[in-house]
C-alpha atoms as a PDB file:
ATOM      1  CA  UNK A   1      -0.205  -0.142   0.022  1.00  0.00           C
ATOM      2  CA  UNK A   2       2.696   2.260   0.693  1.00  0.00           C
ATOM      3  CA  UNK A   3       4.231   2.023  -2.998  1.00  0.00           C
ATOM      4  CA  UNK A   4       0.863   3.382  -4.196  1.00  0.00           C
ATOM      5  CA  UNK A   5       0.727   6.350  -2.087  1.00  0.00           C
ATOM      6  CA  UNK A   6       4.333   7.112  -2.966  1.00  0.00           C
ATOM      7  CA  UNK A   7       3.322   6.921  -6.749  1.00  0.00           C
ATOM      8  CA  UNK A   8       0.554   9.185  -6.043  1.00  0.00           C
ATOM      9  CA  UNK A   9       3.025  11.721  -4.080  1.00  0.00           C
ATOM     10  CA  UNK A  10       5.148  11.539  -7.304  1.00  0.00           C
ATOM     11  CA  UNK A  11       2.476  12.654  -9.732  1.00  0.00           C
ATOM     12  CA  UNK A  12       3.575  16.463  -8.370  1.00  0.00           C
ATOM     13  CA  UNK A  13      -0.387  17.615  -7.645  1.00  0.00           C
ATOM     14  CA  UNK A  14      -1.190  18.652  -4.282  1.00  0.00           C
ATOM     15  CA  UNK A  15      -4.185  20.045  -2.722  1.00  0.00           C
ATOM     16  CA  UNK A  16      -3.829  23.744  -2.743  1.00  0.00           C
ATOM     17  CA  UNK A  17      -3.586  26.174  -0.125  1.00  0.00           C
ATOM     18  CA  UNK A  18      -6.634  28.104  -1.372  1.00  0.00           C
ATOM     19  CA  UNK A  19      -9.073  25.963   0.158  1.00  0.00           C
ATOM     20  CA  UNK A  20     -13.049  26.352   0.021  1.00  0.00           C
ATOM     21  CA  UNK A  21     -13.935  22.442   1.030  1.00  0.00           C
ATOM     22  CA  UNK A  22     -10.763  20.405   0.218  1.00  0.00           C
ATOM     23  CA  UNK A  23      -8.303  22.364  -2.025  1.00  0.00           C
ATOM     24  CA  UNK A  24      -8.618  20.465  -4.912  1.00  0.00           C
ATOM     25  CA  UNK A  25      -9.378  22.708  -7.404  1.00  0.00           C
ATOM     26  CA  UNK A  26      -6.549  24.846  -5.821  1.00  0.00           C
ATOM     27  CA  UNK A  27      -4.314  21.726  -6.369  1.00  0.00           C
ATOM     28  CA  UNK A  28      -5.274  21.216  -9.919  1.00  0.00           C
ATOM     29  CA  UNK A  29      -4.986  25.032 -10.728  1.00  0.00           C
ATOM     30  CA  UNK A  30      -1.768  25.307  -9.429  1.00  0.00           C
ATOM     31  CA  UNK A  31      -0.428  22.254 -11.037  1.00  0.00           C
ATOM     32  CA  UNK A  32      -2.121  23.884 -14.314  1.00  0.00           C
ATOM     33  CA  UNK A  33      -0.671  27.328 -13.849  1.00  0.00           C
ATOM     34  CA  UNK A  34      -4.117  28.813 -14.107  1.00  0.00           C
ATOM     35  CA  UNK A  35      -6.571  30.954 -11.785  1.00  0.00           C
ATOM     36  CA  UNK A  36      -8.545  28.678  -9.542  1.00  0.00           C
ATOM     37  CA  UNK A  37     -11.686  30.363 -10.579  1.00  0.00           C
ATOM     38  CA  UNK A  38     -11.430  28.652 -13.681  1.00  0.00           C
ATOM     39  CA  UNK A  39     -10.963  25.643 -12.189  1.00  0.00           C
ATOM     40  CA  UNK A  40     -13.659  25.812  -9.977  1.00  0.00           C
ATOM     41  CA  UNK A  41     -16.092  27.417 -12.674  1.00  0.00           C
ATOM     42  CA  UNK A  42     -15.098  24.111 -14.586  1.00  0.00           C
ATOM     43  CA  UNK A  43     -15.923  22.170 -11.758  1.00  0.00           C
ATOM     44  CA  UNK A  44     -19.314  23.504 -11.123  1.00  0.00           C
ATOM     45  CA  UNK A  45     -20.255  22.840 -14.667  1.00  0.00           C
ATOM     46  CA  UNK A  46     -19.316  19.619 -15.016  1.00  0.00           C
ATOM     47  CA  UNK A  47     -21.279  19.318 -11.393  1.00  0.00           C
ATOM     48  CA  UNK A  48     -24.613  20.199 -13.428  1.00  0.00           C
ATOM     49  CA  UNK A  49     -23.969  17.668 -15.984  1.00  0.00           C
ATOM     50  CA  UNK A  50     -25.056  13.850 -14.800  1.00  0.00           C
ATOM     51  CA  UNK A  51     -22.059  12.326 -13.888  1.00  0.00           C
ATOM     52  CA  UNK A  52     -19.481  11.559 -11.114  1.00  0.00           C
ATOM     53  CA  UNK A  53     -18.565  14.974 -10.463  1.00  0.00           C
ATOM     54  CA  UNK A  54     -18.882  14.824  -6.449  1.00  0.00           C
ATOM     55  CA  UNK A  55     -17.319  11.294  -6.029  1.00  0.00           C
ATOM     56  CA  UNK A  56     -14.316  12.312  -8.068  1.00  0.00           C
ATOM     57  CA  UNK A  57     -13.584  15.253  -5.983  1.00  0.00           C
ATOM     58  CA  UNK A  58     -14.234  13.085  -2.682  1.00  0.00           C
ATOM     59  CA  UNK A  59     -11.705  10.482  -4.495  1.00  0.00           C
ATOM     60  CA  UNK A  60      -9.003  13.171  -5.113  1.00  0.00           C
ATOM     61  CA  UNK A  61      -9.636  14.794  -1.827  1.00  0.00           C
ATOM     62  CA  UNK A  62      -8.553  11.418  -0.092  1.00  0.00           C
ATOM     63  CA  UNK A  63      -5.789  10.696  -2.487  1.00  0.00           C
ATOM     64  CA  UNK A  64      -4.195  14.060  -2.888  1.00  0.00           C
ATOM     65  CA  UNK A  65      -1.235  14.984  -0.842  1.00  0.00           C
ATOM     66  CA  UNK A  66      -1.773  17.972   1.184  1.00  0.00           C
ATOM     67  CA  UNK A  67       0.809  20.831   1.394  1.00  0.00           C
ATOM     68  CA  UNK A  68       2.290  18.873   4.389  1.00  0.00           C
ATOM     69  CA  UNK A  69       2.649  16.292   1.985  1.00  0.00           C
ATOM     70  CA  UNK A  70      -0.081  13.878   3.867  1.00  0.00           C
ATOM     71  CA  UNK A  71      -2.569  11.981   1.921  1.00  0.00           C
ATOM     72  CA  UNK A  72      -6.094  11.640   4.138  1.00  0.00           C
ATOM     73  CA  UNK A  73      -6.505   8.034   3.127  1.00  0.00           C
ATOM     74  CA  UNK A  74      -3.223   7.023   4.530  1.00  0.00           C
ATOM     75  CA  UNK A  75      -3.747   8.507   7.447  1.00  0.00           C
ATOM     76  CA  UNK A  76      -6.906   7.222   7.777  1.00  0.00           C
ATOM     77  CA  UNK A  77      -5.842   3.456   6.985  1.00  0.00           C
ATOM     78  CA  UNK A  78      -2.821   4.147   9.412  1.00  0.00           C
ATOM     79  CA  UNK A  79      -5.202   5.279  12.011  1.00  0.00           C
ATOM     80  CA  UNK A  80      -7.427   2.055  11.859  1.00  0.00           C
ATOM     81  CA  UNK A  81      -4.558  -0.550  11.617  1.00  0.00           C
ATOM     82  CA  UNK A  82      -3.101   1.504  14.807  1.00  0.00           C
ATOM     83  CA  UNK A  83      -6.053   0.053  16.742  1.00  0.00           C
ATOM     84  CA  UNK A  84      -5.878  -2.891  18.788  1.00  0.00           C
END
């Protein structure tokens, strides 16, 4: 499982510091070098169409590392495995 999280970190995509919810749009905007407003508008338009936009956002929030290079899913799984 550690190899998977290291691969995700190696993508160079992190959740951004300009957060409204989880920072996913901010991270995508930073990676694409565009204003975060454009990414948020694109996400809103995508959300209006039938499709898995909400699921995509939640998955990205769980898998993309934050500014401290920590992945939320990895932290959750580590917390569960540490319980007796």
